């Protein structure tokens, strides 16, 4: 999810994944501080989401990822191979989960703060955990995204390459932050369509 909670966009994406034949789950990472919030893409929603974002802690996010994976693997219709995808802070969560769990495939959309000196809650830098990634990860960014400058994208790409992680880093020239969300002014259909094809290909090849 983004900082806006499990809103209609995230539910729509979850349903899209399910229609591809997967068991799909959208964890609420704000369940400790703002359970069930659904913010809109406006100033009020941004302000509310930023307050909750500031209270996230990496250890709790990792624990939530592990709990979600365990729940999925407890189902008879799950083959044991799990993938993850997320947007904005959810893209960061996806990268963190790729580092700290055994997810086989990860799609991180415009993950903010991955290359920051510290992780959520002042934890170890998320990018510094890159060598722990065991599955394949695809990172998707917009070149016009001022929240994630290109030097940060370059640093992520270099860290993945140095660690020998199976990865793709894709930068869309005409895309801004939030380009995948058709409820935001920054929606960019060409980039969104291509990114969705990449996600489907990633899950098909890695999740079986």
N, C-alpha and C. Protein backbone atom coordinates (compact mmCIF):
# COMPACT_ATOMS: atom_id res chain seq x y z
N UNK A 1 0.83 -1.19 0.00
CA UNK A 1 0.00 0.00 0.00
C UNK A 1 0.87 1.25 0.00
N UNK A 2 0.29 2.37 -0.38
CA UNK A 2 0.97 3.66 -0.28
C UNK A 2 0.70 4.23 1.12
N UNK A 3 1.00 5.49 1.34
CA UNK A 3 0.70 6.11 2.64
C UNK A 3 -0.79 6.36 2.81
N UNK A 4 -1.57 6.08 1.76
CA UNK A 4 -3.01 6.37 1.80
C UNK A 4 -3.83 5.19 2.31
N UNK A 5 -3.17 4.14 2.75
CA UNK A 5 -3.86 2.99 3.32
C UNK A 5 -4.37 2.02 2.27
N UNK A 6 -5.15 1.05 2.72
CA UNK A 6 -5.74 0.07 1.80
C UNK A 6 -6.98 0.72 1.19
N UNK A 7 -6.74 1.61 0.25
CA UNK A 7 -7.84 2.35 -0.37
C UNK A 7 -8.32 1.65 -1.64
N UNK A 8 -9.18 2.30 -2.39
CA UNK A 8 -9.77 1.65 -3.56
C UNK A 8 -8.73 1.28 -4.61
N UNK A 9 -7.67 2.08 -4.74
CA UNK A 9 -6.62 1.75 -5.71
C UNK A 9 -5.90 0.47 -5.31
N UNK A 10 -5.54 0.35 -4.05
CA UNK A 10 -4.83 -0.85 -3.60
C UNK A 10 -5.72 -2.08 -3.68
N UNK A 11 -7.00 -1.92 -3.37
CA UNK A 11 -7.92 -3.05 -3.52
C UNK A 11 -8.03 -3.46 -4.98
N UNK A 12 -8.05 -2.47 -5.87
CA UNK A 12 -8.13 -2.76 -7.30
C UNK A 12 -6.90 -3.53 -7.77
N UNK A 13 -5.72 -3.10 -7.35
CA UNK A 13 -4.49 -3.79 -7.73
C UNK A 13 -4.49 -5.22 -7.18
N UNK A 14 -4.94 -5.38 -5.95
CA UNK A 14 -5.00 -6.71 -5.33
C UNK A 14 -5.92 -7.63 -6.13
N UNK A 15 -7.03 -7.09 -6.57
CA UNK A 15 -7.98 -7.88 -7.37
C UNK A 15 -7.39 -8.21 -8.75
N UNK A 16 -6.61 -7.30 -9.30
CA UNK A 16 -5.96 -7.57 -10.59
C UNK A 16 -4.99 -8.73 -10.46
N UNK A 17 -4.24 -8.75 -9.38
CA UNK A 17 -3.31 -9.85 -9.14
C UNK A 17 -4.08 -11.17 -8.98
N UNK A 18 -5.19 -11.11 -8.25
CA UNK A 18 -6.00 -12.31 -8.04
C UNK A 18 -6.56 -12.84 -9.35
N UNK A 19 -6.94 -11.93 -10.24
CA UNK A 19 -7.49 -12.36 -11.53
C UNK A 19 -6.45 -13.07 -12.40
N UNK A 20 -5.18 -12.88 -12.08
CA UNK A 20 -4.11 -13.59 -12.79
C UNK A 20 -3.93 -15.01 -12.26
N UNK A 21 -4.71 -15.36 -11.22
CA UNK A 21 -4.67 -16.73 -10.70
C UNK A 21 -3.90 -16.90 -9.41
N UNK A 22 -3.52 -15.80 -8.78
CA UNK A 22 -2.76 -15.87 -7.53
C UNK A 22 -3.67 -15.61 -6.33
N UNK A 23 -3.25 -16.12 -5.17
CA UNK A 23 -3.87 -15.70 -3.92
C UNK A 23 -3.26 -14.36 -3.57
N UNK A 24 -4.07 -13.32 -3.41
CA UNK A 24 -3.55 -11.96 -3.22
C UNK A 24 -3.96 -11.40 -1.87
N UNK A 25 -3.03 -10.80 -1.19
CA UNK A 25 -3.26 -10.24 0.14
C UNK A 25 -2.68 -8.82 0.20
N UNK A 26 -3.43 -7.88 0.77
CA UNK A 26 -2.94 -6.51 0.94
C UNK A 26 -2.82 -6.21 2.43
N UNK A 27 -1.63 -6.38 3.01
CA UNK A 27 -1.45 -6.12 4.45
C UNK A 27 -1.57 -4.63 4.77
N UNK A 28 -2.12 -4.33 5.93
CA UNK A 28 -2.26 -2.96 6.40
C UNK A 28 -1.08 -2.66 7.33
N UNK A 29 -0.09 -1.95 6.82
CA UNK A 29 1.11 -1.66 7.62
C UNK A 29 0.88 -0.52 8.62
N UNK A 30 -0.28 0.08 8.60
CA UNK A 30 -0.63 1.10 9.59
C UNK A 30 -1.51 0.53 10.70
N UNK A 31 -1.59 -0.78 10.82
CA UNK A 31 -2.55 -1.37 11.74
C UNK A 31 -2.27 -1.04 13.20
N UNK A 32 -1.06 -0.61 13.52
CA UNK A 32 -0.74 -0.24 14.90
C UNK A 32 -1.15 1.19 15.23
N UNK A 33 -1.05 2.08 14.26
CA UNK A 33 -1.23 3.51 14.52
C UNK A 33 -2.45 4.12 13.83
N UNK A 34 -2.94 3.47 12.78
CA UNK A 34 -4.11 4.00 12.06
C UNK A 34 -4.82 2.90 11.34
N UNK A 35 -5.26 1.88 12.06
CA UNK A 35 -5.87 0.72 11.40
C UNK A 35 -7.07 1.08 10.55
N UNK A 36 -7.07 0.56 9.33
CA UNK A 36 -8.22 0.74 8.45
C UNK A 36 -8.35 2.09 7.78
N UNK A 37 -7.33 2.94 7.86
CA UNK A 37 -7.46 4.26 7.24
C UNK A 37 -7.55 4.11 5.72
N UNK A 38 -8.34 4.99 5.13
CA UNK A 38 -8.46 5.08 3.67
C UNK A 38 -8.42 6.54 3.31
N UNK A 39 -7.26 7.00 2.84
CA UNK A 39 -7.12 8.41 2.50
C UNK A 39 -7.25 8.62 0.99
N UNK A 40 -7.75 9.78 0.63
CA UNK A 40 -7.82 10.16 -0.77
C UNK A 40 -6.54 10.83 -1.21
N UNK A 41 -6.42 11.05 -2.52
CA UNK A 41 -5.22 11.67 -3.08
C UNK A 41 -5.39 13.19 -3.10
N UNK A 42 -5.45 13.77 -1.90
CA UNK A 42 -5.58 15.21 -1.76
C UNK A 42 -4.70 15.66 -0.60
N UNK A 43 -4.72 16.94 -0.29
CA UNK A 43 -3.84 17.47 0.75
C UNK A 43 -4.13 16.85 2.12
N UNK A 44 -5.41 16.68 2.41
CA UNK A 44 -5.78 16.08 3.69
C UNK A 44 -5.29 14.64 3.79
N UNK A 45 -5.46 13.89 2.71
CA UNK A 45 -4.98 12.51 2.69
C UNK A 45 -3.47 12.43 2.81
N UNK A 46 -2.78 13.33 2.11
CA UNK A 46 -1.32 13.36 2.18
C UNK A 46 -0.84 13.65 3.60
N UNK A 47 -1.48 14.62 4.26
CA UNK A 47 -1.09 14.99 5.62
C UNK A 47 -1.31 13.83 6.59
N UNK A 48 -2.45 13.17 6.46
CA UNK A 48 -2.74 12.04 7.34
C UNK A 48 -1.78 10.89 7.12
N UNK A 49 -1.50 10.61 5.85
CA UNK A 49 -0.58 9.52 5.54
C UNK A 49 0.84 9.79 5.99
N UNK A 50 1.29 11.04 5.86
CA UNK A 50 2.65 11.38 6.28
C UNK A 50 2.84 11.21 7.78
N UNK A 51 1.81 11.52 8.56
CA UNK A 51 1.89 11.34 10.01
C UNK A 51 2.08 9.87 10.37
N UNK A 52 1.35 9.01 9.67
CA UNK A 52 1.47 7.58 9.94
C UNK A 52 2.78 7.02 9.40
N UNK A 53 3.22 7.55 8.27
CA UNK A 53 4.49 7.13 7.70
C UNK A 53 5.63 7.35 8.69
N UNK A 54 5.61 8.49 9.36
CA UNK A 54 6.68 8.84 10.29
C UNK A 54 6.77 7.89 11.48
N UNK A 55 5.70 7.12 11.71
CA UNK A 55 5.68 6.20 12.86
C UNK A 55 6.06 4.77 12.49
N UNK A 56 6.33 4.52 11.22
CA UNK A 56 6.73 3.18 10.81
C UNK A 56 8.13 2.84 11.30
N UNK A 57 8.30 1.58 11.67
CA UNK A 57 9.60 1.08 12.12
C UNK A 57 9.95 -0.16 11.32
N UNK A 58 11.19 -0.23 10.88
CA UNK A 58 11.60 -1.33 10.00
C UNK A 58 11.35 -2.70 10.62
N UNK A 59 11.69 -2.86 11.89
CA UNK A 59 11.51 -4.17 12.53
C UNK A 59 10.05 -4.60 12.52
N UNK A 60 9.15 -3.66 12.74
CA UNK A 60 7.72 -3.99 12.74
C UNK A 60 7.24 -4.30 11.33
N UNK A 61 7.75 -3.58 10.34
CA UNK A 61 7.40 -3.84 8.95
C UNK A 61 7.85 -5.23 8.53
N UNK A 62 9.05 -5.60 8.95
CA UNK A 62 9.58 -6.94 8.63
C UNK A 62 8.72 -8.01 9.30
N UNK A 63 8.37 -7.78 10.55
CA UNK A 63 7.52 -8.74 11.28
C UNK A 63 6.16 -8.90 10.60
N UNK A 64 5.61 -7.80 10.12
CA UNK A 64 4.33 -7.86 9.42
C UNK A 64 4.47 -8.64 8.11
N UNK A 65 5.57 -8.44 7.40
CA UNK A 65 5.80 -9.18 6.16
C UNK A 65 5.91 -10.68 6.44
N UNK A 66 6.63 -11.02 7.48
CA UNK A 66 6.79 -12.42 7.85
C UNK A 66 5.45 -13.04 8.24
N UNK A 67 4.64 -12.28 8.95
CA UNK A 67 3.32 -12.79 9.35
C UNK A 67 2.42 -12.99 8.14
N UNK A 68 2.47 -12.05 7.19
CA UNK A 68 1.66 -12.17 5.98
C UNK A 68 2.06 -13.40 5.17
N UNK A 69 3.37 -13.62 5.05
CA UNK A 69 3.87 -14.77 4.31
C UNK A 69 3.44 -16.07 4.99
N UNK A 70 3.55 -16.11 6.31
CA UNK A 70 3.16 -17.31 7.06
C UNK A 70 1.67 -17.60 6.87
N UNK A 71 0.86 -16.55 6.88
CA UNK A 71 -0.59 -16.73 6.69
C UNK A 71 -0.87 -17.30 5.30
N UNK A 72 -0.21 -16.75 4.29
CA UNK A 72 -0.41 -17.24 2.93
C UNK A 72 -0.01 -18.70 2.82
N UNK A 73 1.14 -19.05 3.38
CA UNK A 73 1.61 -20.43 3.28
C UNK A 73 0.77 -21.41 4.09
N UNK A 74 -0.06 -20.89 4.96
CA UNK A 74 -0.97 -21.75 5.71
C UNK A 74 -2.20 -22.16 4.92
N UNK A 75 -2.36 -21.57 3.74
CA UNK A 75 -3.51 -21.89 2.89
C UNK A 75 -3.19 -23.07 1.96
N UNK A 76 -4.16 -23.90 1.72
CA UNK A 76 -3.97 -25.07 0.86
C UNK A 76 -3.82 -24.69 -0.61
N UNK A 77 -4.28 -23.49 -0.98
CA UNK A 77 -4.20 -23.08 -2.39
C UNK A 77 -2.96 -22.25 -2.70
N UNK A 78 -1.99 -22.26 -1.81
CA UNK A 78 -0.73 -21.55 -2.04
C UNK A 78 0.39 -22.58 -2.14
N UNK A 79 1.19 -22.48 -3.21
CA UNK A 79 2.23 -23.49 -3.46
C UNK A 79 3.51 -23.26 -2.67
N UNK A 80 3.54 -22.22 -1.86
CA UNK A 80 4.71 -21.96 -1.03
C UNK A 80 5.59 -20.84 -1.55
N UNK A 81 5.51 -20.55 -2.84
CA UNK A 81 6.32 -19.47 -3.42
C UNK A 81 5.52 -18.18 -3.35
N UNK A 82 6.11 -17.16 -2.76
CA UNK A 82 5.38 -15.91 -2.50
C UNK A 82 6.08 -14.74 -3.20
N UNK A 83 5.27 -13.84 -3.74
CA UNK A 83 5.78 -12.63 -4.36
C UNK A 83 5.28 -11.41 -3.60
N UNK A 84 5.88 -10.28 -3.86
CA UNK A 84 5.48 -9.03 -3.19
C UNK A 84 5.52 -7.89 -4.20
N UNK A 85 4.62 -6.93 -4.00
CA UNK A 85 4.67 -5.71 -4.80
C UNK A 85 4.14 -4.56 -3.96
N UNK A 86 4.62 -3.37 -4.23
CA UNK A 86 4.16 -2.22 -3.45
C UNK A 86 4.51 -0.92 -4.13
N UNK A 87 3.90 0.15 -3.62
CA UNK A 87 3.97 1.46 -4.26
C UNK A 87 4.38 2.53 -3.24
N UNK A 88 5.34 3.38 -3.62
CA UNK A 88 5.82 4.46 -2.75
C UNK A 88 6.39 3.85 -1.47
N UNK A 89 5.85 4.15 -0.30
CA UNK A 89 6.38 3.50 0.90
C UNK A 89 6.17 1.99 0.79
N UNK A 90 5.13 1.58 0.08
CA UNK A 90 4.93 0.15 -0.17
C UNK A 90 6.02 -0.43 -1.05
N UNK A 91 6.57 0.39 -1.96
CA UNK A 91 7.71 -0.03 -2.75
C UNK A 91 8.93 -0.21 -1.88
N UNK A 92 9.08 0.65 -0.88
CA UNK A 92 10.16 0.51 0.09
C UNK A 92 9.95 -0.77 0.91
N UNK A 93 8.72 -0.98 1.35
CA UNK A 93 8.40 -2.19 2.12
C UNK A 93 8.71 -3.43 1.32
N UNK A 94 8.41 -3.40 0.03
CA UNK A 94 8.67 -4.53 -0.85
C UNK A 94 10.16 -4.82 -0.92
N UNK A 95 10.96 -3.79 -1.06
CA UNK A 95 12.42 -3.96 -1.12
C UNK A 95 12.92 -4.51 0.21
N UNK A 96 12.40 -3.99 1.31
CA UNK A 96 12.80 -4.45 2.64
C UNK A 96 12.41 -5.91 2.84
N UNK A 97 11.20 -6.27 2.40
CA UNK A 97 10.75 -7.66 2.51
C UNK A 97 11.62 -8.58 1.66
N UNK A 98 12.03 -8.10 0.49
CA UNK A 98 12.92 -8.90 -0.35
C UNK A 98 14.24 -9.18 0.35
N UNK A 99 14.70 -8.22 1.15
CA UNK A 99 15.95 -8.38 1.88
C UNK A 99 15.81 -9.30 3.08
N UNK A 100 14.69 -9.22 3.77
CA UNK A 100 14.57 -9.85 5.08
C UNK A 100 13.64 -11.06 5.13
N UNK A 101 13.06 -11.45 4.00
CA UNK A 101 12.24 -12.66 3.94
C UNK A 101 12.68 -13.47 2.73
N UNK A 102 12.02 -14.60 2.51
CA UNK A 102 12.39 -15.44 1.37
C UNK A 102 11.41 -15.31 0.21
N UNK A 103 10.81 -14.13 0.02
CA UNK A 103 9.94 -13.95 -1.14
C UNK A 103 10.74 -14.21 -2.41
N UNK A 104 10.09 -14.87 -3.37
CA UNK A 104 10.79 -15.28 -4.59
C UNK A 104 10.80 -14.20 -5.66
N UNK A 105 9.83 -13.29 -5.59
CA UNK A 105 9.71 -12.25 -6.62
C UNK A 105 9.19 -10.97 -5.99
N UNK A 106 9.80 -9.85 -6.34
CA UNK A 106 9.40 -8.56 -5.75
C UNK A 106 9.33 -7.50 -6.84
N UNK A 107 8.25 -6.72 -6.80
CA UNK A 107 8.09 -5.60 -7.72
C UNK A 107 7.92 -4.33 -6.90
N UNK A 108 8.95 -3.51 -6.90
CA UNK A 108 8.98 -2.28 -6.10
C UNK A 108 8.73 -1.08 -7.00
N UNK A 109 7.54 -0.46 -6.83
CA UNK A 109 7.19 0.72 -7.61
C UNK A 109 7.56 1.99 -6.85
N UNK A 110 8.36 2.84 -7.48
CA UNK A 110 8.78 4.13 -6.93
C UNK A 110 8.93 4.10 -5.41
N UNK A 111 9.78 3.16 -4.96
CA UNK A 111 10.03 3.01 -3.52
C UNK A 111 10.87 4.15 -2.99
N UNK A 112 10.26 4.99 -2.17
CA UNK A 112 10.98 6.13 -1.62
C UNK A 112 11.83 5.77 -0.42
N UNK A 113 12.99 6.38 -0.30
CA UNK A 113 13.82 6.22 0.89
C UNK A 113 14.68 4.98 0.93
N UNK A 114 14.66 4.16 -0.11
CA UNK A 114 15.47 2.94 -0.11
C UNK A 114 16.95 3.27 0.02
N UNK A 115 17.37 4.33 -0.65
CA UNK A 115 18.78 4.70 -0.65
C UNK A 115 19.13 5.70 0.45
N UNK A 116 18.19 5.98 1.35
CA UNK A 116 18.45 6.93 2.44
C UNK A 116 19.47 6.35 3.43
N UNK A 117 20.17 7.22 4.17
CA UNK A 117 21.18 6.74 5.13
C UNK A 117 20.60 5.84 6.22
N UNK A 118 19.33 6.05 6.56
CA UNK A 118 18.67 5.23 7.57
C UNK A 118 17.35 4.68 7.03
N UNK A 119 16.97 3.52 7.55
CA UNK A 119 15.70 2.94 7.19
C UNK A 119 14.59 3.48 8.08
N UNK A 120 13.36 3.00 7.90
CA UNK A 120 12.22 3.47 8.70
C UNK A 120 12.46 3.35 10.20
N UNK A 121 12.15 4.43 10.92
CA UNK A 121 12.33 4.43 12.37
C UNK A 121 13.78 4.54 12.81
N UNK A 122 14.67 4.95 11.91
CA UNK A 122 16.08 5.08 12.25
C UNK A 122 16.86 3.79 12.18
N UNK A 123 16.30 2.79 11.52
CA UNK A 123 16.94 1.48 11.41
C UNK A 123 18.09 1.52 10.40
N UNK A 124 18.78 0.39 10.29
CA UNK A 124 19.84 0.25 9.29
C UNK A 124 19.31 0.58 7.91
N UNK A 125 20.12 1.24 7.11
CA UNK A 125 19.72 1.60 5.75
C UNK A 125 19.16 0.39 5.01
N UNK A 126 18.03 0.59 4.36
CA UNK A 126 17.43 -0.52 3.62
C UNK A 126 18.33 -0.95 2.47
N UNK A 127 18.94 -0.02 1.78
CA UNK A 127 19.80 -0.39 0.67
C UNK A 127 21.00 -1.21 1.12
N UNK A 128 21.48 -0.96 2.35
CA UNK A 128 22.62 -1.72 2.86
C UNK A 128 22.29 -3.19 3.07
N UNK A 129 21.02 -3.53 3.11
CA UNK A 129 20.58 -4.91 3.29
C UNK A 129 20.52 -5.68 1.96
N UNK A 130 20.80 -5.01 0.87
CA UNK A 130 20.63 -5.59 -0.47
C UNK A 130 21.28 -6.96 -0.64
N UNK A 131 22.48 -7.22 -0.12
CA UNK A 131 23.10 -8.53 -0.32
C UNK A 131 22.28 -9.70 0.24
N UNK A 132 21.28 -9.41 1.06
CA UNK A 132 20.46 -10.48 1.64
C UNK A 132 19.31 -10.92 0.73
N UNK A 133 19.10 -10.20 -0.38
CA UNK A 133 18.01 -10.55 -1.29
C UNK A 133 18.31 -11.89 -1.97
N UNK A 134 17.35 -12.82 -1.88
CA UNK A 134 17.53 -14.15 -2.46
C UNK A 134 16.70 -14.35 -3.73
N UNK A 135 15.60 -13.64 -3.86
CA UNK A 135 14.75 -13.78 -5.04
C UNK A 135 15.11 -12.75 -6.09
N UNK A 136 14.23 -12.62 -7.09
CA UNK A 136 14.42 -11.61 -8.13
C UNK A 136 13.60 -10.37 -7.79
N UNK A 137 14.16 -9.21 -8.05
CA UNK A 137 13.45 -7.96 -7.77
C UNK A 137 13.46 -7.07 -9.01
N UNK A 138 12.32 -6.45 -9.25
CA UNK A 138 12.18 -5.47 -10.32
C UNK A 138 11.82 -4.14 -9.67
N UNK A 139 12.62 -3.11 -9.93
CA UNK A 139 12.39 -1.78 -9.36
C UNK A 139 11.98 -0.83 -10.49
N UNK A 140 10.87 -0.15 -10.29
CA UNK A 140 10.27 0.67 -11.33
C UNK A 140 10.19 2.12 -10.87
N UNK A 141 10.77 3.02 -11.65
CA UNK A 141 10.83 4.43 -11.27
C UNK A 141 10.40 5.33 -12.43
N UNK A 142 10.04 6.56 -12.09
CA UNK A 142 9.77 7.58 -13.08
C UNK A 142 10.91 8.60 -13.09
N UNK A 143 11.39 8.95 -14.27
CA UNK A 143 12.52 9.88 -14.35
C UNK A 143 12.15 11.28 -13.87
N UNK A 144 10.85 11.61 -13.91
CA UNK A 144 10.41 12.93 -13.48
C UNK A 144 10.08 12.97 -11.98
N UNK A 145 10.34 11.89 -11.27
CA UNK A 145 10.00 11.78 -9.85
C UNK A 145 11.00 12.55 -8.99
N UNK A 146 10.62 13.73 -8.51
CA UNK A 146 11.51 14.55 -7.69
C UNK A 146 11.72 13.95 -6.30
N UNK A 147 10.84 13.05 -5.89
CA UNK A 147 10.97 12.42 -4.57
C UNK A 147 12.07 11.36 -4.56
N UNK A 148 12.40 10.85 -5.74
CA UNK A 148 13.46 9.85 -5.85
C UNK A 148 14.41 10.29 -6.96
N UNK A 149 15.37 11.15 -6.65
CA UNK A 149 16.29 11.67 -7.66
C UNK A 149 17.08 10.54 -8.34
N UNK A 150 17.50 10.77 -9.55
CA UNK A 150 18.22 9.75 -10.30
C UNK A 150 19.48 9.22 -9.61
N UNK A 151 20.22 10.06 -8.86
CA UNK A 151 21.37 9.49 -8.14
C UNK A 151 20.98 8.38 -7.17
N UNK A 152 19.78 8.47 -6.58
CA UNK A 152 19.31 7.41 -5.70
C UNK A 152 18.99 6.15 -6.50
N UNK A 153 18.36 6.33 -7.64
CA UNK A 153 18.07 5.19 -8.52
C UNK A 153 19.37 4.52 -8.94
N UNK A 154 20.36 5.32 -9.31
CA UNK A 154 21.66 4.78 -9.72
C UNK A 154 22.32 4.01 -8.58
N UNK A 155 22.16 4.53 -7.36
CA UNK A 155 22.76 3.86 -6.19
C UNK A 155 22.10 2.51 -5.94
N UNK A 156 20.79 2.45 -6.11
CA UNK A 156 20.06 1.18 -5.94
C UNK A 156 20.50 0.18 -7.00
N UNK A 157 20.59 0.65 -8.24
CA UNK A 157 21.03 -0.22 -9.34
C UNK A 157 22.43 -0.77 -9.06
N UNK A 158 23.31 0.09 -8.60
CA UNK A 158 24.69 -0.33 -8.33
C UNK A 158 24.75 -1.32 -7.18
N UNK A 159 23.95 -1.10 -6.14
CA UNK A 159 23.93 -2.02 -5.00
C UNK A 159 23.44 -3.40 -5.41
N UNK A 160 22.40 -3.45 -6.24
CA UNK A 160 21.87 -4.73 -6.70
C UNK A 160 22.89 -5.47 -7.56
N UNK A 161 23.56 -4.72 -8.44
CA UNK A 161 24.56 -5.34 -9.31
C UNK A 161 25.75 -5.86 -8.50
N UNK A 162 26.20 -5.07 -7.55
CA UNK A 162 27.35 -5.46 -6.74
C UNK A 162 27.05 -6.71 -5.93
N UNK A 163 25.81 -6.83 -5.46
CA UNK A 163 25.43 -7.98 -4.64
C UNK A 163 25.11 -9.22 -5.46
N UNK A 164 25.07 -9.06 -6.78
CA UNK A 164 24.77 -10.19 -7.63
C UNK A 164 23.33 -10.66 -7.56
N UNK A 165 22.44 -9.72 -7.25
CA UNK A 165 21.01 -10.04 -7.14
C UNK A 165 20.38 -10.10 -8.53
N UNK A 166 19.50 -11.05 -8.76
CA UNK A 166 18.72 -11.07 -10.00
C UNK A 166 17.79 -9.87 -9.97
N UNK A 167 17.93 -8.98 -10.93
CA UNK A 167 17.16 -7.74 -10.83
C UNK A 167 16.97 -7.06 -12.19
N UNK A 168 16.00 -6.15 -12.21
CA UNK A 168 15.82 -5.18 -13.28
C UNK A 168 15.52 -3.85 -12.62
N UNK A 169 16.12 -2.80 -13.11
CA UNK A 169 15.78 -1.44 -12.69
C UNK A 169 15.31 -0.71 -13.94
N UNK A 170 14.04 -0.31 -13.91
CA UNK A 170 13.42 0.32 -15.08
C UNK A 170 13.07 1.77 -14.73
N UNK A 171 13.49 2.70 -15.59
CA UNK A 171 13.18 4.12 -15.41
C UNK A 171 12.39 4.59 -16.62
N UNK A 172 11.18 5.07 -16.37
CA UNK A 172 10.32 5.56 -17.45
C UNK A 172 10.54 7.06 -17.64
N UNK A 173 11.00 7.48 -18.82
CA UNK A 173 11.39 8.89 -19.04
C UNK A 173 10.28 9.90 -18.79
N UNK A 174 9.05 9.56 -19.13
CA UNK A 174 7.96 10.52 -19.04
C UNK A 174 7.10 10.36 -17.79
N UNK A 175 7.55 9.53 -16.85
CA UNK A 175 6.72 9.20 -15.68
C UNK A 175 7.16 9.93 -14.43
N UNK A 176 6.18 10.23 -13.59
CA UNK A 176 6.41 10.90 -12.31
C UNK A 176 6.06 9.93 -11.19
N UNK A 177 6.19 10.37 -9.95
CA UNK A 177 5.82 9.56 -8.81
C UNK A 177 4.32 9.23 -8.89
N UNK A 178 3.97 7.98 -8.60
CA UNK A 178 2.57 7.59 -8.64
C UNK A 178 2.05 7.25 -10.02
N UNK A 179 2.96 7.00 -10.97
CA UNK A 179 2.52 6.82 -12.36
C UNK A 179 1.61 5.62 -12.58
N UNK A 180 1.60 4.66 -11.67
CA UNK A 180 0.79 3.46 -11.86
C UNK A 180 -0.66 3.64 -11.42
N UNK A 181 -0.91 4.65 -10.61
CA UNK A 181 -2.23 4.84 -10.01
C UNK A 181 -3.13 5.71 -10.90
N UNK A 182 -4.21 5.10 -11.41
CA UNK A 182 -5.09 5.84 -12.31
C UNK A 182 -6.02 6.81 -11.59
N UNK A 183 -5.85 6.94 -10.26
CA UNK A 183 -6.62 7.92 -9.49
C UNK A 183 -5.80 9.18 -9.18
N UNK A 184 -4.56 9.18 -9.63
CA UNK A 184 -3.68 10.32 -9.34
C UNK A 184 -3.43 11.12 -10.61
N UNK A 185 -3.15 12.40 -10.42
CA UNK A 185 -2.89 13.28 -11.56
C UNK A 185 -1.64 12.87 -12.31
N UNK A 186 -0.75 12.14 -11.65
CA UNK A 186 0.52 11.73 -12.26
C UNK A 186 0.42 10.38 -13.00
N UNK A 187 -0.78 9.84 -13.10
CA UNK A 187 -0.95 8.57 -13.82
C UNK A 187 -0.40 8.69 -15.23
N UNK A 188 0.37 7.69 -15.63
CA UNK A 188 0.97 7.70 -16.96
C UNK A 188 0.71 6.33 -17.58
N UNK A 189 -0.27 6.26 -18.46
CA UNK A 189 -0.77 4.97 -18.94
C UNK A 189 0.29 4.12 -19.63
N UNK A 190 1.12 4.73 -20.44
CA UNK A 190 2.13 3.95 -21.16
C UNK A 190 3.08 3.26 -20.18
N UNK A 191 3.55 4.00 -19.20
CA UNK A 191 4.44 3.42 -18.20
C UNK A 191 3.71 2.39 -17.35
N UNK A 192 2.47 2.69 -16.96
CA UNK A 192 1.69 1.77 -16.13
C UNK A 192 1.45 0.45 -16.85
N UNK A 193 1.10 0.52 -18.11
CA UNK A 193 0.84 -0.70 -18.89
C UNK A 193 2.10 -1.55 -19.01
N UNK A 194 3.22 -0.90 -19.29
CA UNK A 194 4.47 -1.64 -19.42
C UNK A 194 4.87 -2.26 -18.08
N UNK A 195 4.70 -1.50 -17.00
CA UNK A 195 5.06 -2.00 -15.67
C UNK A 195 4.21 -3.22 -15.30
N UNK A 196 2.93 -3.17 -15.62
CA UNK A 196 2.04 -4.30 -15.31
C UNK A 196 2.48 -5.56 -16.08
N UNK A 197 2.88 -5.39 -17.34
CA UNK A 197 3.37 -6.53 -18.11
C UNK A 197 4.62 -7.11 -17.46
N UNK A 198 5.48 -6.25 -16.96
CA UNK A 198 6.70 -6.72 -16.30
C UNK A 198 6.37 -7.47 -15.01
N UNK A 199 5.41 -6.98 -14.25
CA UNK A 199 5.00 -7.65 -13.01
C UNK A 199 4.44 -9.03 -13.33
N UNK A 200 3.58 -9.10 -14.33
CA UNK A 200 3.00 -10.40 -14.70
C UNK A 200 4.08 -11.38 -15.15
N UNK A 201 5.05 -10.87 -15.92
CA UNK A 201 6.14 -11.73 -16.36
C UNK A 201 7.00 -12.20 -15.20
N UNK A 202 7.27 -11.28 -14.28
CA UNK A 202 8.07 -11.63 -13.09
C UNK A 202 7.39 -12.72 -12.27
N UNK A 203 6.11 -12.53 -11.98
CA UNK A 203 5.40 -13.50 -11.16
C UNK A 203 5.28 -14.84 -11.87
N UNK A 204 5.03 -14.81 -13.18
CA UNK A 204 4.89 -16.05 -13.93
C UNK A 204 6.20 -16.85 -13.91
N UNK A 205 7.31 -16.16 -14.07
CA UNK A 205 8.61 -16.87 -14.15
C UNK A 205 9.12 -17.32 -12.79
N UNK A 206 8.82 -16.57 -11.74
CA UNK A 206 9.40 -16.85 -10.44
C UNK A 206 8.49 -17.57 -9.45
N UNK A 207 7.18 -17.48 -9.66
CA UNK A 207 6.25 -18.07 -8.70
C UNK A 207 5.64 -19.39 -9.16
N UNK A 208 5.78 -19.67 -10.44
CA UNK A 208 5.28 -20.95 -10.93
C UNK A 208 3.78 -21.09 -10.84
